[in-house]
């Protein structure tokens, strides 16, 4: 895998980390374990059986925990920095052929930034759901998030360019939505 395709795949998987932190790592581990691709130098451990088992357990526990009312909101405070770190690690693990400084800089900006923006969008969605339903409607948000995380992971591994385009569209949507909310709040201070 060359650096550019690794970066594109890394950004797609980083976006998936913004929805669920461990599910994209599980997908990456399955892909590495089956020989679909080879992780960058220093990240070969991602394709080992112990890593696959650990990511499997972590993904199941993470998905299940988001179905517990109010725990999901608590998890968002932990998941936000974890998603950024996961996005950075995801991107750096896939861009192994670059100069280390450039590799880590891109990983922080593109990978961490992408997962952070997506995670921020899910936090806002969960907060809105919590305020409207008292937390009882959050199971729908949780289901949406893990399904999108799984689909984004699969798409990023199989069709990285398509995943990249969808990620850009999603970030553009979040940006427009955020600007509208700010504009409405400044026009109607209550």
N, C-alpha and C. Protein backbone atom coordinates (compact mmCIF):
# COMPACT_ATOMS: atom_id res chain seq x y z
N UNK A 1 0.85 -1.17 0.00
CA UNK A 1 0.00 0.00 0.00
C UNK A 1 0.90 1.24 0.00
N UNK A 2 0.65 2.14 -0.94
CA UNK A 2 1.45 3.36 -0.96
C UNK A 2 0.91 4.37 0.05
N UNK A 3 1.67 5.43 0.26
CA UNK A 3 1.33 6.40 1.30
C UNK A 3 0.00 7.10 1.04
N UNK A 4 -0.29 7.45 -0.21
CA UNK A 4 -1.53 8.16 -0.52
C UNK A 4 -2.75 7.28 -0.28
N UNK A 5 -2.71 6.04 -0.76
CA UNK A 5 -3.85 5.16 -0.52
C UNK A 5 -3.99 4.84 0.96
N UNK A 6 -2.86 4.75 1.67
CA UNK A 6 -2.90 4.54 3.11
C UNK A 6 -3.53 5.73 3.83
N UNK A 7 -3.20 6.94 3.37
CA UNK A 7 -3.78 8.14 3.96
C UNK A 7 -5.28 8.19 3.72
N UNK A 8 -5.71 7.87 2.51
CA UNK A 8 -7.14 7.89 2.18
C UNK A 8 -7.88 6.85 3.01
N UNK A 9 -7.33 5.64 3.12
CA UNK A 9 -7.94 4.61 3.94
C UNK A 9 -7.93 5.03 5.41
N UNK A 10 -6.83 5.64 5.84
CA UNK A 10 -6.72 6.09 7.23
C UNK A 10 -7.75 7.13 7.59
N UNK A 11 -8.02 8.05 6.68
CA UNK A 11 -9.03 9.09 6.94
C UNK A 11 -10.43 8.45 7.04
N UNK A 12 -10.72 7.50 6.16
CA UNK A 12 -12.01 6.81 6.24
C UNK A 12 -12.17 6.05 7.54
N UNK A 13 -11.12 5.35 7.96
CA UNK A 13 -11.18 4.60 9.21
C UNK A 13 -11.18 5.54 10.42
N UNK A 14 -10.52 6.68 10.29
CA UNK A 14 -10.54 7.68 11.37
C UNK A 14 -11.95 8.22 11.57
N UNK A 15 -12.66 8.44 10.48
CA UNK A 15 -14.05 8.87 10.59
C UNK A 15 -14.87 7.82 11.31
N UNK A 16 -14.64 6.56 10.99
CA UNK A 16 -15.34 5.47 11.68
C UNK A 16 -15.02 5.47 13.17
N UNK A 17 -13.78 5.84 13.53
CA UNK A 17 -13.40 5.94 14.94
C UNK A 17 -14.20 7.03 15.65
N UNK A 18 -14.64 8.03 14.91
CA UNK A 18 -15.47 9.08 15.49
C UNK A 18 -16.85 8.57 15.88
N UNK A 19 -17.31 7.50 15.24
CA UNK A 19 -18.59 6.89 15.59
C UNK A 19 -18.43 5.86 16.70
N UNK A 20 -17.45 4.99 16.56
CA UNK A 20 -17.09 3.99 17.56
C UNK A 20 -15.58 3.81 17.52
N UNK A 21 -14.95 3.84 18.66
CA UNK A 21 -13.49 3.83 18.71
C UNK A 21 -12.90 2.49 18.30
N UNK A 22 -13.46 1.40 18.79
CA UNK A 22 -12.80 0.09 18.61
C UNK A 22 -13.26 -0.69 17.38
N UNK A 23 -14.43 -0.42 16.87
CA UNK A 23 -14.93 -1.17 15.71
C UNK A 23 -14.02 -1.02 14.47
N UNK A 24 -13.51 0.16 14.15
CA UNK A 24 -12.59 0.27 13.01
C UNK A 24 -11.28 -0.49 13.23
N UNK A 25 -10.80 -0.52 14.47
CA UNK A 25 -9.59 -1.30 14.76
C UNK A 25 -9.85 -2.78 14.58
N UNK A 26 -11.04 -3.22 14.96
CA UNK A 26 -11.40 -4.61 14.74
C UNK A 26 -11.41 -4.91 13.24
N UNK A 27 -12.03 -4.03 12.44
CA UNK A 27 -12.07 -4.22 10.99
C UNK A 27 -10.68 -4.23 10.38
N UNK A 28 -9.83 -3.32 10.84
CA UNK A 28 -8.46 -3.27 10.35
C UNK A 28 -7.71 -4.54 10.72
N UNK A 29 -7.96 -5.03 11.93
CA UNK A 29 -7.31 -6.26 12.39
C UNK A 29 -7.75 -7.46 11.56
N UNK A 30 -9.04 -7.54 11.25
CA UNK A 30 -9.55 -8.62 10.40
C UNK A 30 -8.90 -8.54 9.02
N UNK A 31 -8.85 -7.32 8.46
CA UNK A 31 -8.26 -7.14 7.13
C UNK A 31 -6.78 -7.51 7.12
N UNK A 32 -6.05 -7.14 8.17
CA UNK A 32 -4.63 -7.50 8.25
C UNK A 32 -4.46 -8.99 8.49
N UNK A 33 -5.31 -9.56 9.33
CA UNK A 33 -5.22 -10.98 9.67
C UNK A 33 -5.49 -11.85 8.45
N UNK A 34 -6.40 -11.42 7.59
CA UNK A 34 -6.75 -12.21 6.40
C UNK A 34 -5.81 -11.93 5.23
N UNK A 35 -4.86 -11.02 5.42
CA UNK A 35 -3.91 -10.72 4.37
C UNK A 35 -4.41 -9.74 3.33
N UNK A 36 -5.52 -9.06 3.61
CA UNK A 36 -6.07 -8.09 2.67
C UNK A 36 -5.12 -6.92 2.47
N UNK A 37 -4.39 -6.56 3.52
CA UNK A 37 -3.37 -5.53 3.43
C UNK A 37 -2.37 -5.74 4.55
N UNK A 38 -1.25 -5.05 4.46
CA UNK A 38 -0.22 -5.12 5.49
C UNK A 38 -0.08 -3.77 6.18
N UNK A 39 -0.22 -3.74 7.51
CA UNK A 39 -0.04 -2.48 8.23
C UNK A 39 1.39 -1.97 8.10
N UNK A 40 1.59 -0.69 8.38
CA UNK A 40 2.90 -0.07 8.30
C UNK A 40 3.85 -0.63 9.33
N UNK A 41 5.13 -0.30 9.17
CA UNK A 41 6.17 -0.77 10.08
C UNK A 41 5.85 -0.33 11.51
N UNK A 42 5.99 -1.27 12.44
CA UNK A 42 5.70 -1.00 13.83
C UNK A 42 4.26 -1.28 14.21
N UNK A 43 3.40 -1.51 13.22
CA UNK A 43 1.99 -1.76 13.50
C UNK A 43 1.56 -3.15 13.01
N UNK A 44 2.53 -4.03 12.79
CA UNK A 44 2.21 -5.38 12.34
C UNK A 44 1.38 -6.14 13.36
N UNK A 45 1.51 -5.76 14.64
CA UNK A 45 0.77 -6.42 15.72
C UNK A 45 -0.74 -6.33 15.52
N UNK A 46 -1.22 -5.36 14.73
CA UNK A 46 -2.66 -5.20 14.51
C UNK A 46 -3.25 -6.47 13.89
N UNK A 47 -2.47 -7.19 13.11
CA UNK A 47 -2.95 -8.39 12.44
C UNK A 47 -2.73 -9.68 13.21
N UNK A 48 -2.40 -9.60 14.48
CA UNK A 48 -2.17 -10.81 15.28
C UNK A 48 -3.48 -11.28 15.92
N UNK A 49 -3.50 -12.57 16.29
CA UNK A 49 -4.68 -13.12 16.96
C UNK A 49 -4.98 -12.41 18.28
N UNK A 50 -3.99 -12.15 19.13
CA UNK A 50 -4.31 -11.44 20.38
C UNK A 50 -4.94 -10.06 20.13
N UNK A 51 -4.45 -9.33 19.14
CA UNK A 51 -5.02 -8.02 18.83
C UNK A 51 -6.45 -8.18 18.33
N UNK A 52 -6.69 -9.15 17.48
CA UNK A 52 -8.03 -9.38 16.97
C UNK A 52 -9.00 -9.72 18.10
N UNK A 53 -8.57 -10.56 19.02
CA UNK A 53 -9.43 -10.91 20.15
C UNK A 53 -9.69 -9.70 21.05
N UNK A 54 -8.65 -8.93 21.32
CA UNK A 54 -8.80 -7.74 22.17
C UNK A 54 -9.73 -6.72 21.52
N UNK A 55 -9.56 -6.48 20.23
CA UNK A 55 -10.44 -5.53 19.53
C UNK A 55 -11.87 -6.05 19.46
N UNK A 56 -12.05 -7.36 19.34
CA UNK A 56 -13.39 -7.94 19.31
C UNK A 56 -14.11 -7.68 20.63
N UNK A 57 -13.45 -7.98 21.74
CA UNK A 57 -14.06 -7.77 23.05
C UNK A 57 -14.32 -6.28 23.29
N UNK A 58 -13.34 -5.45 22.97
CA UNK A 58 -13.49 -4.00 23.18
C UNK A 58 -14.65 -3.44 22.35
N UNK A 59 -14.78 -3.89 21.11
CA UNK A 59 -15.86 -3.39 20.25
C UNK A 59 -17.23 -3.80 20.79
N UNK A 60 -17.37 -5.04 21.23
CA UNK A 60 -18.65 -5.52 21.77
C UNK A 60 -19.00 -4.77 23.06
N UNK A 61 -18.02 -4.59 23.94
CA UNK A 61 -18.27 -3.88 25.20
C UNK A 61 -18.63 -2.42 24.91
N UNK A 62 -17.91 -1.78 23.99
CA UNK A 62 -18.20 -0.38 23.66
C UNK A 62 -19.61 -0.24 23.08
N UNK A 63 -19.96 -1.08 22.12
CA UNK A 63 -21.29 -1.00 21.51
C UNK A 63 -22.37 -1.24 22.56
N UNK A 64 -22.20 -2.25 23.38
CA UNK A 64 -23.19 -2.56 24.41
C UNK A 64 -23.34 -1.46 25.45
N UNK A 65 -22.25 -0.84 25.82
CA UNK A 65 -22.28 0.21 26.84
C UNK A 65 -23.07 1.43 26.40
N UNK A 66 -23.09 1.69 25.12
CA UNK A 66 -23.83 2.84 24.62
C UNK A 66 -25.35 2.64 24.67
N UNK A 67 -25.80 1.44 24.99
CA UNK A 67 -27.23 1.19 25.12
C UNK A 67 -27.74 1.41 26.55
N UNK A 68 -26.86 1.78 27.45
CA UNK A 68 -27.26 2.04 28.83
C UNK A 68 -27.50 3.54 28.97
N UNK A 69 -28.76 3.94 29.27
CA UNK A 69 -29.05 5.38 29.38
C UNK A 69 -28.13 6.07 30.40
N UNK A 70 -27.74 7.25 30.07
CA UNK A 70 -26.86 8.14 30.83
C UNK A 70 -25.41 7.65 30.81
N UNK A 71 -25.17 6.35 30.76
CA UNK A 71 -23.79 5.86 30.61
C UNK A 71 -23.26 6.30 29.25
N UNK A 72 -24.15 6.32 28.25
CA UNK A 72 -23.74 6.74 26.91
C UNK A 72 -23.22 8.17 26.91
N UNK A 73 -23.87 9.05 27.67
CA UNK A 73 -23.38 10.43 27.76
C UNK A 73 -22.04 10.51 28.48
N UNK A 74 -21.87 9.70 29.51
CA UNK A 74 -20.59 9.64 30.21
C UNK A 74 -19.49 9.11 29.29
N UNK A 75 -19.84 8.10 28.51
CA UNK A 75 -18.86 7.53 27.57
C UNK A 75 -18.41 8.55 26.53
N UNK A 76 -19.31 9.46 26.14
CA UNK A 76 -18.93 10.48 25.17
C UNK A 76 -17.79 11.35 25.68
N UNK A 77 -17.74 11.60 26.99
CA UNK A 77 -16.64 12.41 27.53
C UNK A 77 -15.31 11.67 27.44
N UNK A 78 -15.37 10.36 27.53
CA UNK A 78 -14.16 9.54 27.39
C UNK A 78 -13.85 9.30 25.92
N UNK A 79 -14.90 9.05 25.14
CA UNK A 79 -14.72 8.68 23.73
C UNK A 79 -14.19 9.82 22.88
N UNK A 80 -14.47 11.06 23.27
CA UNK A 80 -14.02 12.18 22.43
C UNK A 80 -12.50 12.22 22.32
N UNK A 81 -11.76 12.28 23.43
CA UNK A 81 -10.30 12.25 23.26
C UNK A 81 -9.80 10.90 22.74
N UNK A 82 -10.49 9.82 23.12
CA UNK A 82 -10.07 8.49 22.63
C UNK A 82 -10.24 8.39 21.13
N UNK A 83 -11.31 8.97 20.59
CA UNK A 83 -11.53 8.94 19.14
C UNK A 83 -10.45 9.70 18.40
N UNK A 84 -10.04 10.83 18.94
CA UNK A 84 -8.98 11.61 18.29
C UNK A 84 -7.67 10.81 18.29
N UNK A 85 -7.33 10.22 19.42
CA UNK A 85 -6.11 9.41 19.50
C UNK A 85 -6.22 8.21 18.56
N UNK A 86 -7.39 7.57 18.53
CA UNK A 86 -7.59 6.42 17.64
C UNK A 86 -7.44 6.83 16.18
N UNK A 87 -7.99 7.99 15.82
CA UNK A 87 -7.86 8.48 14.44
C UNK A 87 -6.42 8.72 14.06
N UNK A 88 -5.65 9.27 15.00
CA UNK A 88 -4.22 9.50 14.75
C UNK A 88 -3.51 8.17 14.54
N UNK A 89 -3.74 7.22 15.44
CA UNK A 89 -3.07 5.92 15.34
C UNK A 89 -3.50 5.16 14.09
N UNK A 90 -4.78 5.27 13.75
CA UNK A 90 -5.29 4.59 12.55
C UNK A 90 -4.56 5.11 11.32
N UNK A 91 -4.46 6.43 11.21
CA UNK A 91 -3.84 7.02 10.02
C UNK A 91 -2.34 6.74 9.98
N UNK A 92 -1.67 6.87 11.10
CA UNK A 92 -0.22 6.66 11.10
C UNK A 92 0.11 5.19 10.82
N UNK A 93 -0.77 4.27 11.22
CA UNK A 93 -0.51 2.85 10.97
C UNK A 93 -0.62 2.48 9.49
N UNK A 94 -1.30 3.32 8.72
CA UNK A 94 -1.51 3.02 7.30
C UNK A 94 -0.63 3.83 6.36
N UNK A 95 0.13 4.78 6.88
CA UNK A 95 0.97 5.65 6.03
C UNK A 95 2.44 5.42 6.33
N UNK A 96 2.86 4.18 6.32
CA UNK A 96 4.20 3.82 6.73
C UNK A 96 5.32 4.21 5.79
N UNK A 97 5.06 4.58 4.55
CA UNK A 97 6.12 4.86 3.60
C UNK A 97 6.53 6.33 3.55
N UNK A 98 6.05 7.13 4.48
CA UNK A 98 6.35 8.56 4.48
C UNK A 98 7.48 8.88 5.46
N UNK A 99 8.01 10.09 5.29
CA UNK A 99 8.94 10.63 6.27
C UNK A 99 8.20 10.68 7.61
N UNK A 100 8.81 10.24 8.72
CA UNK A 100 8.10 10.18 10.00
C UNK A 100 7.48 11.51 10.44
N UNK A 101 8.17 12.62 10.25
CA UNK A 101 7.59 13.91 10.65
C UNK A 101 6.32 14.21 9.85
N UNK A 102 6.39 14.03 8.54
CA UNK A 102 5.24 14.30 7.68
C UNK A 102 4.12 13.31 7.98
N UNK A 103 4.48 12.06 8.22
CA UNK A 103 3.52 11.00 8.52
C UNK A 103 2.72 11.33 9.78
N UNK A 104 3.42 11.70 10.86
CA UNK A 104 2.75 12.00 12.11
C UNK A 104 1.97 13.32 12.03
N UNK A 105 2.49 14.28 11.30
CA UNK A 105 1.78 15.55 11.13
C UNK A 105 0.46 15.32 10.40
N UNK A 106 0.51 14.55 9.32
CA UNK A 106 -0.73 14.22 8.59
C UNK A 106 -1.69 13.41 9.45
N UNK A 107 -1.14 12.50 10.23
CA UNK A 107 -1.98 11.66 11.08
C UNK A 107 -2.71 12.51 12.13
N UNK A 108 -2.01 13.46 12.71
CA UNK A 108 -2.64 14.31 13.72
C UNK A 108 -3.70 15.20 13.08
N UNK A 109 -3.35 15.84 11.97
CA UNK A 109 -4.29 16.78 11.34
C UNK A 109 -5.43 16.04 10.64
N UNK A 110 -5.11 15.12 9.76
CA UNK A 110 -6.15 14.45 8.97
C UNK A 110 -6.87 13.37 9.77
N UNK A 111 -6.13 12.49 10.40
CA UNK A 111 -6.76 11.40 11.15
C UNK A 111 -7.42 11.86 12.43
N UNK A 112 -6.66 12.55 13.27
CA UNK A 112 -7.22 13.05 14.53
C UNK A 112 -8.31 14.08 14.31
N UNK A 113 -8.08 14.96 13.33
CA UNK A 113 -9.09 15.99 13.03
C UNK A 113 -10.38 15.39 12.53
N UNK A 114 -10.28 14.43 11.63
CA UNK A 114 -11.49 13.79 11.08
C UNK A 114 -12.27 13.07 12.17
N UNK A 115 -11.59 12.27 12.97
CA UNK A 115 -12.31 11.54 14.02
C UNK A 115 -12.87 12.51 15.05
N UNK A 116 -12.16 13.59 15.34
CA UNK A 116 -12.66 14.58 16.29
C UNK A 116 -13.91 15.29 15.80
N UNK A 117 -13.93 15.65 14.52
CA UNK A 117 -15.12 16.31 13.95
C UNK A 117 -16.31 15.36 13.96
N UNK A 118 -16.10 14.13 13.55
CA UNK A 118 -17.20 13.16 13.53
C UNK A 118 -17.69 12.90 14.95
N UNK A 119 -16.78 12.71 15.88
CA UNK A 119 -17.16 12.46 17.27
C UNK A 119 -17.94 13.65 17.82
N UNK A 120 -17.53 14.86 17.50
CA UNK A 120 -18.26 16.06 17.95
C UNK A 120 -19.69 16.06 17.41
N UNK A 121 -19.85 15.64 16.17
CA UNK A 121 -21.19 15.55 15.60
C UNK A 121 -22.05 14.53 16.33
N UNK A 122 -21.47 13.40 16.70
CA UNK A 122 -22.26 12.39 17.43
C UNK A 122 -22.58 12.85 18.85
N UNK A 123 -21.66 13.60 19.46
CA UNK A 123 -21.93 14.15 20.79
C UNK A 123 -23.11 15.12 20.74
N UNK A 124 -23.12 15.99 19.73
CA UNK A 124 -24.24 16.93 19.58
C UNK A 124 -25.56 16.19 19.34
N UNK A 125 -25.51 15.15 18.52
CA UNK A 125 -26.71 14.37 18.24
C UNK A 125 -27.23 13.68 19.51
N UNK A 126 -26.32 13.10 20.29
CA UNK A 126 -26.73 12.43 21.53
C UNK A 126 -27.26 13.44 22.54
N UNK A 127 -26.63 14.61 22.62
CA UNK A 127 -27.10 15.65 23.55
C UNK A 127 -28.52 16.10 23.17
N UNK A 128 -28.77 16.25 21.89
CA UNK A 128 -30.11 16.63 21.44
C UNK A 128 -31.12 15.54 21.77
N UNK A 129 -30.73 14.30 21.55
CA UNK A 129 -31.61 13.17 21.86
C UNK A 129 -31.89 13.11 23.36
N UNK A 130 -30.85 13.32 24.16
CA UNK A 130 -31.01 13.28 25.61
C UNK A 130 -31.96 14.39 26.08
N UNK A 131 -31.78 15.59 25.52
CA UNK A 131 -32.64 16.70 25.96
C UNK A 131 -34.09 16.52 25.51
N UNK A 132 -34.31 15.87 24.38
CA UNK A 132 -35.68 15.69 23.88
C UNK A 132 -36.38 14.47 24.49
N UNK A 133 -35.60 13.43 24.84
CA UNK A 133 -36.23 12.18 25.30
C UNK A 133 -35.81 11.78 26.71
N UNK A 134 -35.02 12.61 27.36
CA UNK A 134 -34.52 12.25 28.69
C UNK A 134 -33.57 11.07 28.66
N UNK A 135 -32.99 10.80 27.52
CA UNK A 135 -32.04 9.70 27.36
C UNK A 135 -32.67 8.41 26.87
N UNK A 136 -33.99 8.32 26.87
CA UNK A 136 -34.66 7.09 26.48
C UNK A 136 -34.62 6.86 24.96
N UNK A 137 -34.37 7.87 24.17
CA UNK A 137 -34.29 7.71 22.72
C UNK A 137 -32.87 7.51 22.23
N UNK A 138 -31.92 7.51 23.16
CA UNK A 138 -30.52 7.40 22.76
C UNK A 138 -30.15 6.05 22.16
N UNK A 139 -30.98 5.02 22.43
CA UNK A 139 -30.67 3.71 21.84
C UNK A 139 -30.72 3.78 20.31
N UNK A 140 -31.59 4.66 19.78
CA UNK A 140 -31.66 4.81 18.32
C UNK A 140 -30.39 5.48 17.80
N UNK A 141 -29.90 6.47 18.54
CA UNK A 141 -28.65 7.14 18.16
C UNK A 141 -27.50 6.14 18.23
N UNK A 142 -27.46 5.33 19.29
CA UNK A 142 -26.41 4.32 19.44
C UNK A 142 -26.42 3.31 18.32
N UNK A 143 -27.61 2.87 17.94
CA UNK A 143 -27.73 1.90 16.84
C UNK A 143 -27.24 2.52 15.53
N UNK A 144 -27.68 3.74 15.27
CA UNK A 144 -27.23 4.46 14.08
C UNK A 144 -25.70 4.58 14.06
N UNK A 145 -25.11 4.94 15.19
CA UNK A 145 -23.66 5.15 15.25
C UNK A 145 -22.87 3.89 14.96
N UNK A 146 -23.24 2.76 15.59
CA UNK A 146 -22.41 1.58 15.37
C UNK A 146 -22.63 1.00 13.98
N UNK A 147 -23.83 1.15 13.43
CA UNK A 147 -24.05 0.68 12.06
C UNK A 147 -23.25 1.53 11.08
N UNK A 148 -23.26 2.85 11.26
CA UNK A 148 -22.47 3.73 10.39
C UNK A 148 -20.98 3.46 10.58
N UNK A 149 -20.55 3.20 11.81
CA UNK A 149 -19.14 2.87 12.04
C UNK A 149 -18.75 1.59 11.30
N UNK A 150 -19.62 0.58 11.34
CA UNK A 150 -19.33 -0.68 10.65
C UNK A 150 -19.30 -0.48 9.13
N UNK A 151 -20.29 0.25 8.61
CA UNK A 151 -20.33 0.49 7.16
C UNK A 151 -19.15 1.34 6.70
N UNK A 152 -18.80 2.36 7.47
CA UNK A 152 -17.67 3.21 7.11
C UNK A 152 -16.37 2.42 7.15
N UNK A 153 -16.23 1.56 8.15
CA UNK A 153 -15.04 0.71 8.24
C UNK A 153 -14.94 -0.20 7.04
N UNK A 154 -16.02 -0.86 6.71
CA UNK A 154 -16.04 -1.77 5.56
C UNK A 154 -15.74 -1.02 4.27
N UNK A 155 -16.37 0.11 4.09
CA UNK A 155 -16.16 0.92 2.88
C UNK A 155 -14.72 1.44 2.81
N UNK A 156 -14.17 1.88 3.94
CA UNK A 156 -12.80 2.41 3.95
C UNK A 156 -11.78 1.33 3.59
N UNK A 157 -12.06 0.11 3.97
CA UNK A 157 -11.13 -0.99 3.67
C UNK A 157 -11.29 -1.47 2.23
N UNK A 158 -12.54 -1.61 1.78
CA UNK A 158 -12.79 -2.16 0.44
C UNK A 158 -12.75 -1.11 -0.67
N UNK A 159 -13.31 0.08 -0.41
CA UNK A 159 -13.37 1.16 -1.40
C UNK A 159 -12.96 2.48 -0.74
N UNK A 160 -11.67 2.63 -0.46
CA UNK A 160 -11.22 3.79 0.32
C UNK A 160 -11.56 5.15 -0.30
N UNK A 161 -11.54 5.26 -1.61
CA UNK A 161 -11.85 6.55 -2.24
C UNK A 161 -13.32 6.91 -2.03
N UNK A 162 -14.21 5.93 -2.14
CA UNK A 162 -15.64 6.18 -1.89
C UNK A 162 -15.85 6.60 -0.44
N UNK A 163 -15.18 5.93 0.48
CA UNK A 163 -15.29 6.30 1.90
C UNK A 163 -14.77 7.71 2.12
N UNK A 164 -13.66 8.06 1.49
CA UNK A 164 -13.07 9.39 1.62
C UNK A 164 -14.05 10.46 1.15
N UNK A 165 -14.70 10.22 0.01
CA UNK A 165 -15.67 11.19 -0.52
C UNK A 165 -16.86 11.33 0.43
N UNK A 166 -17.35 10.22 0.97
CA UNK A 166 -18.46 10.28 1.93
C UNK A 166 -18.06 11.01 3.21
N UNK A 167 -16.84 10.80 3.67
CA UNK A 167 -16.35 11.50 4.86
C UNK A 167 -16.32 13.00 4.61
N UNK A 168 -15.79 13.40 3.46
CA UNK A 168 -15.76 14.83 3.14
C UNK A 168 -17.17 15.41 3.09
N UNK A 169 -18.11 14.68 2.51
CA UNK A 169 -19.49 15.15 2.43
C UNK A 169 -20.10 15.27 3.83
N UNK A 170 -19.81 14.31 4.70
CA UNK A 170 -20.35 14.34 6.06
C UNK A 170 -19.77 15.51 6.85
N UNK A 171 -18.48 15.76 6.70
CA UNK A 171 -17.86 16.89 7.39
C UNK A 171 -18.42 18.21 6.87
N UNK A 172 -18.64 18.29 5.57
CA UNK A 172 -19.25 19.51 5.00
C UNK A 172 -20.65 19.70 5.56
N UNK A 173 -21.42 18.62 5.67
CA UNK A 173 -22.77 18.70 6.24
C UNK A 173 -22.71 19.19 7.69
N UNK A 174 -21.81 18.61 8.49
CA UNK A 174 -21.69 19.03 9.88
C UNK A 174 -21.30 20.51 9.99
N UNK A 175 -20.42 20.95 9.11
CA UNK A 175 -19.99 22.35 9.12
C UNK A 175 -21.16 23.28 8.81
N UNK A 176 -21.93 22.97 7.79
CA UNK A 176 -23.10 23.78 7.43
C UNK A 176 -24.11 23.77 8.57
N UNK A 177 -24.36 22.61 9.12
CA UNK A 177 -25.32 22.48 10.23
C UNK A 177 -24.88 23.30 11.44
N UNK A 178 -23.62 23.22 11.78
CA UNK A 178 -23.08 23.97 12.92
C UNK A 178 -23.20 25.47 12.69
N UNK A 179 -22.90 25.92 11.49
CA UNK A 179 -23.02 27.35 11.18
C UNK A 179 -24.47 27.82 11.27
N UNK A 180 -25.40 27.01 10.83
CA UNK A 180 -26.82 27.38 10.94
C UNK A 180 -27.25 27.50 12.40
N UNK A 181 -26.81 26.57 13.21
CA UNK A 181 -27.15 26.61 14.63
C UNK A 181 -26.59 27.87 15.27
N UNK A 182 -25.34 28.18 14.99
CA UNK A 182 -24.73 29.41 15.53
C UNK A 182 -25.45 30.65 15.04
N UNK A 183 -25.81 30.67 13.78
CA UNK A 183 -26.50 31.83 13.21
C UNK A 183 -27.88 32.00 13.88
N UNK A 184 -28.60 30.91 14.06
CA UNK A 184 -29.91 30.97 14.71
C UNK A 184 -29.79 31.41 16.16
N UNK A 185 -28.78 30.95 16.84
CA UNK A 185 -28.59 31.34 18.24
C UNK A 185 -28.22 32.81 18.36
N UNK A 186 -27.41 33.31 17.46
CA UNK A 186 -27.04 34.73 17.54
C UNK A 186 -28.19 35.64 17.12
N UNK A 187 -29.06 35.16 16.22
CA UNK A 187 -30.21 35.95 15.78
C UNK A 187 -31.33 35.94 16.81
N UNK A 188 -31.40 34.87 17.61
CA UNK A 188 -32.47 34.73 18.61
C UNK A 188 -31.89 34.50 19.99
N UNK A 189 -31.16 35.45 20.56
CA UNK A 189 -30.63 35.22 21.90
C UNK A 189 -31.77 35.20 22.93
N UNK A 190 -31.84 34.09 23.66
CA UNK A 190 -32.94 33.99 24.63
C UNK A 190 -32.43 33.78 26.02
